[in-house]
C-alpha cells in the first residue's frame, strides 16, 4: 500500500467518529474479576512492518491507537524469527567460512586454530534482534501507541477481542 493511500485511509477513519473502537479489558483470576475500558480510534492487529508503521502514522495524525501483536516484541516474523536473525547468522557464518578456508590470508590476515563459538553467535543474533525490536518499541512510546500483547480478532462491528497468553481477554 502506498504511503499516500495509507495516509488517506487513516484520515478517513479518523474523520468517521462512528469507527471509534471500544476495548474492554477483562482479566480473570481464581479469586478476582476486573474489567477496565479503553477507547481507541484505531486498533491495528499485527505489529509487523505494515502494522507498526500504520499504528505510528495513525497516532501521528492524532488518532488514539492500539496495536495488538501476538509476540512480546514488535516487528513481525521477519524481524523476530525470520529474515533478520537468519541474516545475522548467515553473515557471521560467512566470516567463519572465510577463516577456515584461509580467505583472510590473501588480505594479509593470518591466524591459527579457528573455532566456532555457537553461544556467542546466537547471542550476537539475539542482540541484533533486540536492538531493532527495541527501536520499534521506542517509536511506539514516542508516538503514544499502546501495544497490547495478545491474539487479536475482529468479533463485531467496532469490536476487537484480544486473547492473551494467560487466556484472559480484552474486548
N, C-alpha and C. Protein backbone atom coordinates (compact mmCIF):
# COMPACT_ATOMS: atom_id res chain seq x y z
N UNK A 1 0.85 -1.17 0.00
CA UNK A 1 0.00 0.00 0.00
C UNK A 1 0.89 1.23 0.00
N UNK A 2 0.62 2.19 -0.87
CA UNK A 2 1.45 3.38 -0.94
C UNK A 2 1.23 4.25 0.28
N UNK A 3 2.22 5.06 0.60
CA UNK A 3 2.16 5.93 1.76
C UNK A 3 0.99 6.91 1.67
N UNK A 4 0.75 7.49 0.48
CA UNK A 4 -0.35 8.45 0.35
C UNK A 4 -1.70 7.76 0.50
N UNK A 5 -1.84 6.55 -0.01
CA UNK A 5 -3.09 5.80 0.16
C UNK A 5 -3.31 5.46 1.62
N UNK A 6 -2.24 5.05 2.31
CA UNK A 6 -2.33 4.74 3.73
C UNK A 6 -2.74 5.98 4.51
N UNK A 7 -2.10 7.12 4.24
CA UNK A 7 -2.45 8.36 4.93
C UNK A 7 -3.89 8.75 4.67
N UNK A 8 -4.37 8.62 3.44
CA UNK A 8 -5.75 8.95 3.10
C UNK A 8 -6.72 8.04 3.84
N UNK A 9 -6.40 6.76 3.89
CA UNK A 9 -7.26 5.80 4.59
C UNK A 9 -7.33 6.11 6.08
N UNK A 10 -6.19 6.43 6.67
CA UNK A 10 -6.15 6.74 8.09
C UNK A 10 -6.94 8.02 8.37
N UNK A 11 -6.79 9.05 7.53
CA UNK A 11 -7.55 10.29 7.71
C UNK A 11 -9.05 10.03 7.64
N UNK A 12 -9.48 9.20 6.68
CA UNK A 12 -10.89 8.86 6.53
C UNK A 12 -11.41 8.16 7.79
N UNK A 13 -10.63 7.23 8.33
CA UNK A 13 -11.02 6.56 9.57
C UNK A 13 -11.13 7.56 10.71
N UNK A 14 -10.19 8.47 10.79
CA UNK A 14 -10.17 9.46 11.85
C UNK A 14 -11.39 10.36 11.79
N UNK A 15 -11.80 10.76 10.59
CA UNK A 15 -12.93 11.67 10.41
C UNK A 15 -14.26 11.01 10.72
N UNK A 16 -14.34 9.70 10.62
CA UNK A 16 -15.59 8.99 10.83
C UNK A 16 -15.67 8.54 12.28
N UNK A 17 -16.32 9.33 13.12
CA UNK A 17 -16.34 9.05 14.55
C UNK A 17 -17.09 7.77 14.90
N UNK A 18 -17.91 7.25 13.99
CA UNK A 18 -18.62 6.00 14.28
C UNK A 18 -17.67 4.81 14.30
N UNK A 19 -16.44 5.01 13.84
CA UNK A 19 -15.47 3.92 13.85
C UNK A 19 -14.67 3.85 15.15
N UNK A 20 -15.12 4.64 16.15
CA UNK A 20 -14.45 4.59 17.44
C UNK A 20 -14.56 3.18 18.00
N UNK A 21 -13.44 2.60 18.30
CA UNK A 21 -13.41 1.22 18.78
C UNK A 21 -13.34 1.20 20.29
N UNK A 22 -14.17 0.38 20.88
CA UNK A 22 -14.22 0.27 22.33
C UNK A 22 -13.53 -1.03 22.74
N UNK A 23 -12.61 -0.90 23.65
CA UNK A 23 -11.88 -2.07 24.13
C UNK A 23 -12.14 -2.21 25.62
N UNK A 24 -12.60 -3.34 26.05
CA UNK A 24 -12.82 -3.60 27.47
C UNK A 24 -11.83 -4.66 27.90
N UNK A 25 -11.05 -4.33 28.90
CA UNK A 25 -10.07 -5.30 29.39
C UNK A 25 -10.71 -6.14 30.48
N UNK A 26 -10.74 -7.42 30.28
CA UNK A 26 -11.31 -8.33 31.29
C UNK A 26 -10.23 -9.30 31.70
N UNK A 27 -9.81 -9.20 32.93
CA UNK A 27 -8.77 -10.09 33.43
C UNK A 27 -9.37 -10.91 34.56
N UNK A 28 -9.35 -12.22 34.44
CA UNK A 28 -9.93 -13.04 35.50
C UNK A 28 -8.85 -13.91 36.12
N UNK A 29 -8.93 -14.01 37.42
CA UNK A 29 -8.08 -14.94 38.16
C UNK A 29 -9.02 -15.80 38.99
N UNK A 30 -8.49 -16.73 39.73
CA UNK A 30 -9.33 -17.63 40.52
C UNK A 30 -10.19 -16.87 41.52
N UNK A 31 -9.68 -15.74 42.06
CA UNK A 31 -10.42 -15.02 43.09
C UNK A 31 -10.88 -13.63 42.67
N UNK A 32 -10.45 -13.16 41.51
CA UNK A 32 -10.69 -11.77 41.17
C UNK A 32 -11.16 -11.63 39.73
N UNK A 33 -12.11 -10.75 39.50
CA UNK A 33 -12.54 -10.43 38.14
C UNK A 33 -12.59 -8.92 38.04
N UNK A 34 -11.78 -8.35 37.15
CA UNK A 34 -11.78 -6.90 37.00
C UNK A 34 -11.94 -6.55 35.53
N UNK A 35 -12.61 -5.45 35.29
CA UNK A 35 -12.84 -5.00 33.92
C UNK A 35 -12.49 -3.52 33.83
N UNK A 36 -11.72 -3.17 32.82
CA UNK A 36 -11.45 -1.77 32.53
C UNK A 36 -11.81 -1.51 31.08
N UNK A 37 -12.09 -0.26 30.78
CA UNK A 37 -12.48 0.10 29.43
C UNK A 37 -11.47 1.06 28.84
N UNK A 38 -11.14 0.85 27.58
CA UNK A 38 -10.23 1.72 26.85
C UNK A 38 -10.87 2.03 25.50
N UNK A 39 -10.98 3.29 25.18
CA UNK A 39 -11.49 3.69 23.87
C UNK A 39 -10.32 4.00 22.95
N UNK A 40 -10.43 3.58 21.71
CA UNK A 40 -9.38 3.84 20.73
C UNK A 40 -10.03 4.20 19.41
N UNK A 41 -9.36 5.05 18.65
CA UNK A 41 -9.83 5.39 17.31
C UNK A 41 -9.51 4.29 16.32
N UNK A 42 -8.40 3.60 16.57
CA UNK A 42 -7.95 2.57 15.64
C UNK A 42 -7.25 1.45 16.39
N UNK A 43 -7.61 0.22 16.08
CA UNK A 43 -6.90 -0.96 16.59
C UNK A 43 -6.25 -1.63 15.40
N UNK A 44 -4.94 -1.76 15.44
CA UNK A 44 -4.18 -2.43 14.39
C UNK A 44 -3.86 -3.83 14.90
N UNK A 45 -4.24 -4.84 14.14
CA UNK A 45 -3.93 -6.22 14.53
C UNK A 45 -2.68 -6.64 13.77
N UNK A 46 -1.62 -6.86 14.52
CA UNK A 46 -0.34 -7.26 13.94
C UNK A 46 0.68 -6.15 14.01
N UNK A 47 1.81 -6.45 14.62
CA UNK A 47 2.88 -5.47 14.79
C UNK A 47 4.04 -5.70 13.85
N UNK A 48 3.77 -6.27 12.68
CA UNK A 48 4.81 -6.46 11.67
C UNK A 48 5.08 -5.16 10.93
N UNK A 49 5.85 -5.21 9.85
CA UNK A 49 6.24 -3.99 9.13
C UNK A 49 5.06 -3.12 8.68
N UNK A 50 3.97 -3.72 8.25
CA UNK A 50 2.80 -2.93 7.86
C UNK A 50 2.04 -2.41 9.06
N UNK A 51 1.88 -3.26 10.07
CA UNK A 51 1.10 -2.90 11.25
C UNK A 51 1.73 -1.82 12.09
N UNK A 52 3.01 -1.95 12.41
CA UNK A 52 3.61 -0.94 13.28
C UNK A 52 3.73 0.41 12.59
N UNK A 53 3.96 0.41 11.28
CA UNK A 53 4.03 1.68 10.54
C UNK A 53 2.65 2.34 10.51
N UNK A 54 1.60 1.56 10.25
CA UNK A 54 0.24 2.10 10.23
C UNK A 54 -0.15 2.66 11.59
N UNK A 55 0.19 1.95 12.66
CA UNK A 55 -0.14 2.40 14.01
C UNK A 55 0.56 3.72 14.34
N UNK A 56 1.83 3.82 13.99
CA UNK A 56 2.58 5.05 14.26
C UNK A 56 2.02 6.20 13.44
N UNK A 57 1.76 5.98 12.15
CA UNK A 57 1.21 7.02 11.28
C UNK A 57 -0.13 7.52 11.82
N UNK A 58 -1.00 6.58 12.21
CA UNK A 58 -2.32 6.96 12.74
C UNK A 58 -2.17 7.82 13.99
N UNK A 59 -1.27 7.43 14.86
CA UNK A 59 -1.04 8.20 16.07
C UNK A 59 -0.49 9.59 15.76
N UNK A 60 0.38 9.68 14.77
CA UNK A 60 0.96 10.97 14.40
C UNK A 60 -0.07 11.96 13.87
N UNK A 61 -1.17 11.46 13.31
CA UNK A 61 -2.20 12.39 12.83
C UNK A 61 -3.31 12.59 13.87
N UNK A 62 -3.06 12.11 15.10
CA UNK A 62 -3.96 12.42 16.20
C UNK A 62 -4.90 11.32 16.64
N UNK A 63 -4.81 10.16 16.06
CA UNK A 63 -5.70 9.07 16.46
C UNK A 63 -5.17 8.36 17.69
N UNK A 64 -6.06 8.00 18.60
CA UNK A 64 -5.68 7.18 19.75
C UNK A 64 -5.58 5.75 19.22
N UNK A 65 -4.38 5.20 19.23
CA UNK A 65 -4.10 3.96 18.51
C UNK A 65 -3.61 2.85 19.43
N UNK A 66 -4.13 1.65 19.18
CA UNK A 66 -3.71 0.43 19.88
C UNK A 66 -3.20 -0.54 18.83
N UNK A 67 -2.08 -1.19 19.12
CA UNK A 67 -1.55 -2.23 18.22
C UNK A 67 -1.51 -3.54 19.00
N UNK A 68 -2.18 -4.55 18.46
CA UNK A 68 -2.22 -5.87 19.08
C UNK A 68 -1.24 -6.77 18.35
N UNK A 69 -0.31 -7.35 19.09
CA UNK A 69 0.70 -8.24 18.50
C UNK A 69 0.80 -9.49 19.36
N UNK A 70 0.79 -10.66 18.72
CA UNK A 70 0.82 -11.92 19.47
C UNK A 70 2.16 -12.16 20.15
N UNK A 71 3.22 -11.57 19.62
CA UNK A 71 4.54 -11.73 20.24
C UNK A 71 4.76 -10.63 21.28
N UNK A 72 5.71 -10.90 22.16
CA UNK A 72 6.09 -9.91 23.17
C UNK A 72 6.73 -8.69 22.51
N UNK A 73 7.45 -8.93 21.42
CA UNK A 73 8.15 -7.85 20.73
C UNK A 73 7.50 -7.55 19.39
N UNK A 74 7.66 -6.32 18.95
CA UNK A 74 7.11 -5.87 17.68
C UNK A 74 8.07 -6.19 16.55
N UNK A 75 7.60 -6.11 15.32
CA UNK A 75 8.46 -6.31 14.16
C UNK A 75 8.04 -7.46 13.27
N UNK A 76 7.16 -8.31 13.75
CA UNK A 76 6.67 -9.41 12.92
C UNK A 76 7.65 -10.56 12.79
N UNK A 77 7.29 -11.47 11.91
CA UNK A 77 8.09 -12.68 11.69
C UNK A 77 9.48 -12.36 11.18
N UNK A 78 9.58 -11.47 10.21
CA UNK A 78 10.88 -11.15 9.60
C UNK A 78 11.88 -10.69 10.66
N UNK A 79 11.48 -9.76 11.48
CA UNK A 79 12.41 -9.19 12.45
C UNK A 79 12.69 -10.14 13.61
N UNK A 80 11.70 -10.86 14.08
CA UNK A 80 11.87 -11.68 15.28
C UNK A 80 12.46 -13.06 15.04
N UNK A 81 12.01 -13.75 14.00
CA UNK A 81 12.46 -15.14 13.80
C UNK A 81 12.82 -15.47 12.36
N UNK A 82 12.68 -14.54 11.46
CA UNK A 82 12.89 -14.82 10.04
C UNK A 82 14.13 -14.17 9.48
N UNK A 83 13.90 -13.17 8.66
CA UNK A 83 14.96 -12.54 7.86
C UNK A 83 16.14 -12.03 8.69
N UNK A 84 15.87 -11.22 9.69
CA UNK A 84 16.94 -10.55 10.43
C UNK A 84 17.80 -11.56 11.20
N UNK A 85 17.23 -12.45 12.01
CA UNK A 85 18.10 -13.41 12.70
C UNK A 85 18.85 -14.32 11.74
N UNK A 86 18.17 -14.73 10.66
CA UNK A 86 18.83 -15.59 9.67
C UNK A 86 20.01 -14.89 9.03
N UNK A 87 19.81 -13.62 8.67
CA UNK A 87 20.89 -12.87 8.02
C UNK A 87 22.04 -12.60 8.98
N UNK A 88 21.74 -12.37 10.25
CA UNK A 88 22.81 -12.17 11.23
C UNK A 88 23.67 -13.43 11.33
N UNK A 89 23.04 -14.60 11.40
CA UNK A 89 23.79 -15.86 11.46
C UNK A 89 24.52 -16.14 10.16
N UNK A 90 23.88 -15.88 9.05
CA UNK A 90 24.50 -16.11 7.74
C UNK A 90 25.73 -15.22 7.56
N UNK A 91 25.61 -13.97 7.96
CA UNK A 91 26.72 -13.02 7.85
C UNK A 91 27.94 -13.53 8.63
N UNK A 92 27.71 -13.95 9.87
CA UNK A 92 28.82 -14.44 10.69
C UNK A 92 29.34 -15.78 10.21
N UNK A 93 28.47 -16.63 9.69
CA UNK A 93 28.94 -17.92 9.17
C UNK A 93 29.82 -17.72 7.93
N UNK A 94 29.55 -16.65 7.19
CA UNK A 94 30.40 -16.32 6.03
C UNK A 94 31.83 -15.99 6.50
N UNK A 95 31.94 -15.22 7.59
CA UNK A 95 33.27 -14.92 8.13
C UNK A 95 33.97 -16.21 8.59
N UNK A 96 33.22 -17.09 9.23
CA UNK A 96 33.80 -18.35 9.67
C UNK A 96 34.31 -19.16 8.48
N UNK A 97 33.50 -19.22 7.43
CA UNK A 97 33.90 -19.94 6.21
C UNK A 97 35.19 -19.34 5.64
N UNK A 98 35.26 -18.02 5.59
CA UNK A 98 36.46 -17.36 5.07
C UNK A 98 37.68 -17.69 5.91
N UNK A 99 37.50 -17.72 7.24
CA UNK A 99 38.62 -18.02 8.12
C UNK A 99 39.09 -19.47 7.96
N UNK A 100 38.17 -20.40 7.90
CA UNK A 100 38.51 -21.82 7.77
C UNK A 100 39.21 -22.10 6.45
N UNK A 101 38.81 -21.42 5.41
CA UNK A 101 39.37 -21.67 4.07
C UNK A 101 40.48 -20.67 3.71
N UNK A 102 41.08 -20.06 4.73
CA UNK A 102 42.23 -19.16 4.56
C UNK A 102 41.97 -18.01 3.59
N UNK A 103 40.73 -17.59 3.45
CA UNK A 103 40.44 -16.48 2.55
C UNK A 103 40.86 -15.13 3.12
N UNK A 104 41.11 -15.07 4.43
CA UNK A 104 41.61 -13.84 5.01
C UNK A 104 43.10 -13.67 4.73
N UNK A 105 43.78 -14.79 4.53
CA UNK A 105 45.23 -14.78 4.31
C UNK A 105 45.59 -13.91 3.11
N UNK A 106 44.80 -13.98 2.05
CA UNK A 106 45.08 -13.16 0.86
C UNK A 106 44.86 -11.67 1.12
N UNK A 107 44.24 -11.35 2.25
CA UNK A 107 44.05 -9.96 2.65
C UNK A 107 45.09 -9.54 3.70
N UNK A 108 46.01 -10.45 3.99
CA UNK A 108 47.06 -10.14 4.96
C UNK A 108 46.68 -10.44 6.39
N UNK A 109 45.60 -11.17 6.59
CA UNK A 109 45.15 -11.51 7.94
C UNK A 109 45.37 -13.01 8.14
N UNK A 110 46.24 -13.35 9.11
CA UNK A 110 46.55 -14.75 9.36
C UNK A 110 46.31 -15.09 10.82
N UNK A 111 45.79 -16.27 11.04
CA UNK A 111 45.59 -16.77 12.40
C UNK A 111 45.47 -18.29 12.35
N UNK A 112 45.66 -18.91 13.52
CA UNK A 112 45.58 -20.36 13.63
C UNK A 112 44.40 -20.74 14.53
N UNK A 113 44.05 -22.00 14.47
CA UNK A 113 43.03 -22.58 15.36
C UNK A 113 41.69 -21.85 15.32
N UNK A 114 41.12 -21.78 14.16
CA UNK A 114 39.80 -21.17 14.02
C UNK A 114 38.77 -22.10 14.65
N UNK A 115 37.92 -21.55 15.49
CA UNK A 115 36.85 -22.37 16.07
C UNK A 115 35.58 -21.53 16.14
N UNK A 116 34.49 -22.22 16.13
CA UNK A 116 33.17 -21.60 16.15
C UNK A 116 32.62 -21.65 17.57
N UNK A 117 32.17 -20.52 18.09
CA UNK A 117 31.53 -20.46 19.39
C UNK A 117 30.05 -20.16 19.16
N UNK A 118 29.24 -21.21 19.12
CA UNK A 118 27.83 -21.08 18.80
C UNK A 118 27.09 -20.20 19.81
N UNK A 119 27.46 -20.29 21.08
CA UNK A 119 26.80 -19.46 22.09
C UNK A 119 26.98 -17.97 21.79
N UNK A 120 28.19 -17.59 21.41
CA UNK A 120 28.46 -16.18 21.09
C UNK A 120 27.73 -15.77 19.81
N UNK A 121 27.71 -16.65 18.81
CA UNK A 121 26.98 -16.35 17.57
C UNK A 121 25.50 -16.12 17.85
N UNK A 122 24.91 -16.98 18.66
CA UNK A 122 23.49 -16.86 18.98
C UNK A 122 23.21 -15.59 19.80
N UNK A 123 24.11 -15.25 20.69
CA UNK A 123 23.94 -14.03 21.49
C UNK A 123 24.03 -12.79 20.61
N UNK A 124 24.93 -12.81 19.64
CA UNK A 124 25.05 -11.69 18.71
C UNK A 124 23.76 -11.54 17.90
N UNK A 125 23.19 -12.66 17.48
CA UNK A 125 21.92 -12.65 16.74
C UNK A 125 20.81 -12.07 17.61
N UNK A 126 20.73 -12.53 18.86
CA UNK A 126 19.70 -12.01 19.78
C UNK A 126 19.88 -10.51 20.01
N UNK A 127 21.13 -10.08 20.09
CA UNK A 127 21.40 -8.65 20.28
C UNK A 127 20.93 -7.81 19.10
N UNK A 128 21.13 -8.31 17.89
CA UNK A 128 20.68 -7.59 16.70
C UNK A 128 19.16 -7.47 16.69
N UNK A 129 18.48 -8.56 17.00
CA UNK A 129 17.01 -8.55 17.04
C UNK A 129 16.51 -7.62 18.14
N UNK A 130 17.14 -7.70 19.31
CA UNK A 130 16.72 -6.86 20.45
C UNK A 130 16.88 -5.38 20.13
N UNK A 131 17.97 -5.02 19.48
CA UNK A 131 18.19 -3.61 19.13
C UNK A 131 17.10 -3.10 18.19
N UNK A 132 16.74 -3.90 17.21
CA UNK A 132 15.74 -3.46 16.23
C UNK A 132 14.33 -3.46 16.82
N UNK A 133 13.97 -4.49 17.58
CA UNK A 133 12.63 -4.51 18.19
C UNK A 133 12.51 -3.42 19.25
N UNK A 134 13.61 -3.16 19.95
CA UNK A 134 13.61 -2.08 20.93
C UNK A 134 13.41 -0.72 20.29
N UNK A 135 13.94 -0.56 19.09
CA UNK A 135 13.74 0.69 18.35
C UNK A 135 12.28 0.92 18.01
N UNK A 136 11.58 -0.15 17.63
CA UNK A 136 10.15 -0.02 17.33
C UNK A 136 9.38 0.30 18.60
N UNK A 137 9.72 -0.35 19.70
CA UNK A 137 9.06 -0.07 20.98
C UNK A 137 9.24 1.39 21.38
N UNK A 138 10.44 1.93 21.15
CA UNK A 138 10.69 3.35 21.45
C UNK A 138 9.84 4.26 20.57
N UNK A 139 9.69 3.89 19.29
CA UNK A 139 8.83 4.67 18.40
C UNK A 139 7.38 4.64 18.87
N UNK A 140 6.92 3.50 19.37
CA UNK A 140 5.56 3.41 19.92
C UNK A 140 5.43 4.34 21.12
N UNK A 141 6.41 4.31 21.99
CA UNK A 141 6.38 5.16 23.19
C UNK A 141 6.38 6.63 22.80
N UNK A 142 7.27 7.00 21.90
CA UNK A 142 7.39 8.40 21.45
C UNK A 142 6.09 8.89 20.80
N UNK A 143 5.43 8.01 20.06
CA UNK A 143 4.22 8.39 19.34
C UNK A 143 2.93 8.01 20.07
N UNK A 144 3.05 7.56 21.32
CA UNK A 144 1.90 7.24 22.17
C UNK A 144 0.98 6.17 21.58
N UNK A 145 1.58 5.13 21.01
CA UNK A 145 0.82 3.98 20.52
C UNK A 145 0.81 2.94 21.64
N UNK A 146 -0.37 2.44 21.99
CA UNK A 146 -0.48 1.41 23.02
C UNK A 146 -0.26 0.04 22.39
N UNK A 147 0.67 -0.72 22.97
CA UNK A 147 0.96 -2.08 22.49
C UNK A 147 0.33 -3.07 23.47
N UNK A 148 -0.52 -3.94 22.94
CA UNK A 148 -1.11 -5.00 23.76
C UNK A 148 -0.65 -6.33 23.19
N UNK A 149 -0.03 -7.14 24.05
CA UNK A 149 0.42 -8.46 23.62
C UNK A 149 -0.74 -9.44 23.69
N UNK A 150 -1.07 -10.03 22.57
CA UNK A 150 -2.16 -10.99 22.53
C UNK A 150 -2.55 -11.29 21.09
N UNK A 151 -3.51 -12.17 20.93
CA UNK A 151 -4.01 -12.55 19.62
C UNK A 151 -5.29 -11.77 19.37
N UNK A 152 -5.26 -10.86 18.38
CA UNK A 152 -6.41 -10.02 18.09
C UNK A 152 -7.32 -10.62 17.04
N UNK A 153 -8.61 -10.45 17.26
CA UNK A 153 -9.60 -10.97 16.32
C UNK A 153 -10.79 -10.01 16.28
N UNK A 154 -11.23 -9.67 15.07
CA UNK A 154 -12.41 -8.82 14.93
C UNK A 154 -13.63 -9.68 15.25
N UNK A 155 -14.41 -9.26 16.27
CA UNK A 155 -15.54 -10.08 16.72
C UNK A 155 -16.88 -9.38 16.57
N UNK A 156 -16.89 -8.19 16.06
CA UNK A 156 -18.14 -7.47 15.86
C UNK A 156 -17.84 -6.10 15.28
N UNK A 157 -18.92 -5.36 14.98
CA UNK A 157 -18.72 -4.02 14.45
C UNK A 157 -18.03 -3.18 15.52
N UNK A 158 -16.91 -2.59 15.17
CA UNK A 158 -16.12 -1.77 16.08
C UNK A 158 -15.69 -2.53 17.34
N UNK A 159 -15.47 -3.84 17.21
CA UNK A 159 -15.09 -4.65 18.36
C UNK A 159 -13.95 -5.59 18.00
N UNK A 160 -12.93 -5.57 18.83
CA UNK A 160 -11.79 -6.46 18.68
C UNK A 160 -11.62 -7.21 19.99
N UNK A 161 -11.53 -8.53 19.92
CA UNK A 161 -11.28 -9.34 21.10
C UNK A 161 -9.83 -9.79 21.07
N UNK A 162 -9.17 -9.60 22.19
CA UNK A 162 -7.75 -9.96 22.31
C UNK A 162 -7.62 -11.06 23.35
N UNK A 163 -7.05 -12.18 22.96
CA UNK A 163 -6.78 -13.27 23.89
C UNK A 163 -5.30 -13.23 24.23
N UNK A 164 -5.02 -13.12 25.52
CA UNK A 164 -3.63 -13.04 25.98
C UNK A 164 -3.10 -14.43 26.32
N UNK A 165 -1.79 -14.50 26.61
CA UNK A 165 -1.14 -15.77 26.95
C UNK A 165 -1.83 -16.48 28.11
N UNK A 166 -2.25 -15.70 29.11
CA UNK A 166 -2.88 -16.29 30.29
C UNK A 166 -4.36 -16.59 30.07
N UNK A 167 -4.80 -16.52 28.80
CA UNK A 167 -6.19 -16.76 28.38
C UNK A 167 -7.18 -15.70 28.84
N UNK A 168 -6.69 -14.61 29.43
CA UNK A 168 -7.60 -13.50 29.71
C UNK A 168 -7.91 -12.82 28.38
N UNK A 169 -8.99 -12.08 28.34
CA UNK A 169 -9.38 -11.44 27.09
C UNK A 169 -9.61 -9.95 27.28
N UNK A 170 -9.47 -9.23 26.19
CA UNK A 170 -9.83 -7.82 26.13
C UNK A 170 -10.76 -7.67 24.94
N UNK A 171 -11.83 -6.89 25.12
CA UNK A 171 -12.79 -6.71 24.04
C UNK A 171 -12.88 -5.23 23.72
